[in-house]
Amino acid sequence: MRKFTEEMAQIIAELYEMYKTNPSVYEKSKLKYVERGYLKLIEQNPHKDSPYAIMKRQGYDVIQVLYKSFYVGVIINGVLFMYAGKGLKKVANLEDIKAKV
């Protein structure tokens, strides 16, 4: 996933909607997730020792975006960020994408 496209944002927005309405749940960890093809959205584990786990414990809605089992982005309260080098790049508000459909 070298170049992010509008089509990818649309697919992630659709997965995000599925995540909010009808997610699968891992039996052991009880974390919610959805997947389609190589893409997967998975709830941030609040028991980990990371900045995103801290945000989850503070009440933020934090969902990791995986592509072929690589972490490529994160959704925080409905806003999609993609990992870019050593930081994050805001890509889209997923509610805005959903509204365009």
C-alpha atoms as a PDB file:
ATOM      1  CA  MET A   1       0.000   0.000   0.000  1.00  0.00           C
ATOM      2  CA  ARG A   2       2.490   2.563  -1.200  1.00  0.00           C
ATOM      3  CA  LYS A   3       0.016   5.168  -2.440  1.00  0.00           C
ATOM      4  CA  PHE A   4      -3.224   5.895  -0.675  1.00  0.00           C
ATOM      5  CA  THR A   5      -6.200   6.417  -2.996  1.00  0.00           C
ATOM      6  CA  GLU A   6      -9.782   7.622  -2.648  1.00  0.00           C
ATOM      7  CA  GLU A   7     -10.898   4.071  -3.389  1.00  0.00           C
ATOM      8  CA  MET A   8      -8.917   2.804  -0.380  1.00  0.00           C
ATOM      9  CA  ALA A   9     -10.442   5.532   1.798  1.00  0.00           C
ATOM     10  CA  GLN A  10     -13.903   4.461   0.602  1.00  0.00           C
ATOM     11  CA  ILE A  11     -13.197   0.806   1.434  1.00  0.00           C
ATOM     12  CA  ILE A  12     -11.879   1.752   4.874  1.00  0.00           C
ATOM     13  CA  ALA A  13     -14.963   3.934   5.435  1.00  0.00           C
ATOM     14  CA  GLU A  14     -17.190   0.951   4.550  1.00  0.00           C
ATOM     15  CA  LEU A  15     -15.209  -1.304   6.886  1.00  0.00           C
ATOM     16  CA  TYR A  16     -15.461   1.329   9.614  1.00  0.00           C
ATOM     17  CA  GLU A  17     -19.241   1.336   9.235  1.00  0.00           C
ATOM     18  CA  MET A  18     -19.252  -2.481   9.481  1.00  0.00           C
ATOM     19  CA  TYR A  19     -17.000  -2.222  12.550  1.00  0.00           C
ATOM     20  CA  LYS A  20     -19.475   0.136  14.228  1.00  0.00           C
ATOM     21  CA  THR A  21     -22.579  -1.914  13.395  1.00  0.00           C
ATOM     22  CA  ASN A  22     -21.618  -5.587  13.192  1.00  0.00           C
ATOM     23  CA  PRO A  23     -18.029  -6.429  14.140  1.00  0.00           C
ATOM     24  CA  SER A  24     -16.570  -9.841  14.747  1.00  0.00           C
ATOM     25  CA  VAL A  25     -15.011 -10.366  18.184  1.00  0.00           C
ATOM     26  CA  TYR A  26     -11.849 -12.278  19.007  1.00  0.00           C
ATOM     27  CA  GLU A  27     -12.766 -14.950  21.527  1.00  0.00           C
ATOM     28  CA  LYS A  28      -9.730 -14.616  23.777  1.00  0.00           C
ATOM     29  CA  SER A  29      -9.066 -10.866  23.802  1.00  0.00           C
ATOM     30  CA  LYS A  30     -12.673  -9.742  23.169  1.00  0.00           C
ATOM     31  CA  LEU A  31     -11.342  -7.105  20.751  1.00  0.00           C
ATOM     32  CA  LYS A  32     -13.636  -6.139  17.882  1.00  0.00           C
ATOM     33  CA  TYR A  33     -12.513  -6.418  14.263  1.00  0.00           C
ATOM     34  CA  VAL A  34     -13.692  -6.523  10.651  1.00  0.00           C
ATOM     35  CA  GLU A  35     -11.830  -7.568   7.550  1.00  0.00           C
ATOM     36  CA  ARG A  36     -12.184  -7.559   3.789  1.00  0.00           C
ATOM     37  CA  GLY A  37      -9.501  -9.035   1.592  1.00  0.00           C
ATOM     38  CA  TYR A  38      -6.115  -7.800   2.755  1.00  0.00           C
ATOM     39  CA  LEU A  39      -7.564  -4.994   4.913  1.00  0.00           C
ATOM     40  CA  LYS A  40      -8.474  -5.384   8.565  1.00  0.00           C
ATOM     41  CA  LEU A  41      -9.681  -2.942  11.201  1.00  0.00           C
ATOM     42  CA  ILE A  42      -9.004  -4.027  14.763  1.00  0.00           C
ATOM     43  CA  GLU A  43      -9.853  -2.340  18.033  1.00  0.00           C
ATOM     44  CA  GLN A  44      -6.839  -1.011  19.899  1.00  0.00           C
ATOM     45  CA  ASN A  45      -5.985  -3.247  22.841  1.00  0.00           C
ATOM     46  CA  PRO A  46      -6.183  -0.967  25.906  1.00  0.00           C
ATOM     47  CA  HIS A  47      -3.942  -3.314  27.896  1.00  0.00           C
ATOM     48  CA  LYS A  48      -0.882  -2.665  25.725  1.00  0.00           C
ATOM     49  CA  ASP A  49       1.833  -0.151  26.550  1.00  0.00           C
ATOM     50  CA  SER A  50       1.545   2.296  23.653  1.00  0.00           C
ATOM     51  CA  PRO A  51       0.302   5.851  23.109  1.00  0.00           C
ATOM     52  CA  TYR A  52      -2.768   4.455  21.325  1.00  0.00           C
ATOM     53  CA  ALA A  53      -3.538   2.112  24.237  1.00  0.00           C
ATOM     54  CA  ILE A  54      -3.359   5.090  26.592  1.00  0.00           C
ATOM     55  CA  MET A  55      -5.776   6.987  24.343  1.00  0.00           C
ATOM     56  CA  LYS A  56      -8.116   3.972  24.328  1.00  0.00           C
ATOM     57  CA  ARG A  57      -8.051   3.851  28.126  1.00  0.00           C
ATOM     58  CA  GLN A  58      -8.853   7.576  28.195  1.00  0.00           C
ATOM     59  CA  GLY A  59     -12.021   6.938  26.195  1.00  0.00           C
ATOM     60  CA  TYR A  60     -10.942   7.629  22.622  1.00  0.00           C
ATOM     61  CA  ASP A  61     -12.240   5.307  19.917  1.00  0.00           C
ATOM     62  CA  VAL A  62      -8.963   3.892  18.539  1.00  0.00           C
ATOM     63  CA  ILE A  63      -8.901   1.360  15.714  1.00  0.00           C
ATOM     64  CA  GLN A  64      -5.787   0.094  13.969  1.00  0.00           C
ATOM     65  CA  VAL A  65      -5.772  -0.337  10.178  1.00  0.00           C
ATOM     66  CA  LEU A  66      -3.827  -3.330   8.871  1.00  0.00           C
ATOM     67  CA  TYR A  67      -2.940  -4.222   5.296  1.00  0.00           C
ATOM     68  CA  LYS A  68      -1.492  -7.691   4.748  1.00  0.00           C
ATOM     69  CA  SER A  69      -0.833  -7.832   8.524  1.00  0.00           C
ATOM     70  CA  PHE A  70       1.179  -4.573   8.484  1.00  0.00           C
ATOM     71  CA  TYR A  71      -0.017  -1.613  10.529  1.00  0.00           C
ATOM     72  CA  VAL A  72      -0.605   1.134   7.962  1.00  0.00           C
ATOM     73  CA  GLY A  73      -2.891   3.535   9.783  1.00  0.00           C
ATOM     74  CA  VAL A  74      -5.101   4.313  12.717  1.00  0.00           C
ATOM     75  CA  ILE A  75      -8.629   5.646  13.101  1.00  0.00           C
ATOM     76  CA  ILE A  76      -9.104   7.958  16.077  1.00  0.00           C
ATOM     77  CA  ASN A  77     -12.683   9.036  16.796  1.00  0.00           C
ATOM     78  CA  GLY A  78     -13.640   8.519  13.147  1.00  0.00           C
ATOM     79  CA  VAL A  79     -10.643  10.301  11.624  1.00  0.00           C
ATOM     80  CA  LEU A  80      -8.309   8.213   9.473  1.00  0.00           C
ATOM     81  CA  PHE A  81      -4.561   8.757   9.778  1.00  0.00           C
ATOM     82  CA  MET A  82      -1.976   6.835   7.764  1.00  0.00           C
ATOM     83  CA  TYR A  83       1.504   6.123   9.049  1.00  0.00           C
ATOM     84  CA  ALA A  84       3.969   8.244   7.060  1.00  0.00           C
ATOM     85  CA  GLY A  85       7.632   7.835   7.892  1.00  0.00           C
ATOM     86  CA  LYS A  86       7.945   8.512  11.607  1.00  0.00           C
ATOM     87  CA  GLY A  87       4.619  10.277  11.965  1.00  0.00           C
ATOM     88  CA  LEU A  88       0.979  10.306  10.978  1.00  0.00           C
ATOM     89  CA  LYS A  89      -0.751  11.950   8.045  1.00  0.00           C
ATOM     90  CA  LYS A  90      -4.414  12.872   8.398  1.00  0.00           C
ATOM     91  CA  VAL A  91      -6.220  11.403   5.423  1.00  0.00           C
ATOM     92  CA  ALA A  92      -9.951  11.760   5.952  1.00  0.00           C
ATOM     93  CA  ASN A  93     -12.879  12.051   8.275  1.00  0.00           C
ATOM     94  CA  LEU A  94     -14.631   8.740   7.605  1.00  0.00           C
ATOM     95  CA  GLU A  95     -18.073  10.216   8.318  1.00  0.00           C
ATOM     96  CA  ASP A  96     -17.523  12.702   5.461  1.00  0.00           C
ATOM     97  CA  ILE A  97     -16.616   9.885   3.067  1.00  0.00           C
ATOM     98  CA  LYS A  98     -19.697   7.925   4.116  1.00  0.00           C
ATOM     99  CA  ALA A  99     -21.867  10.991   3.468  1.00  0.00           C
ATOM    100  CA  LYS A 100     -20.636  11.216  -0.152  1.00  0.00           C
ATOM    101  CA  VAL A 101     -21.944   7.731  -0.973  1.00  0.00           C
END
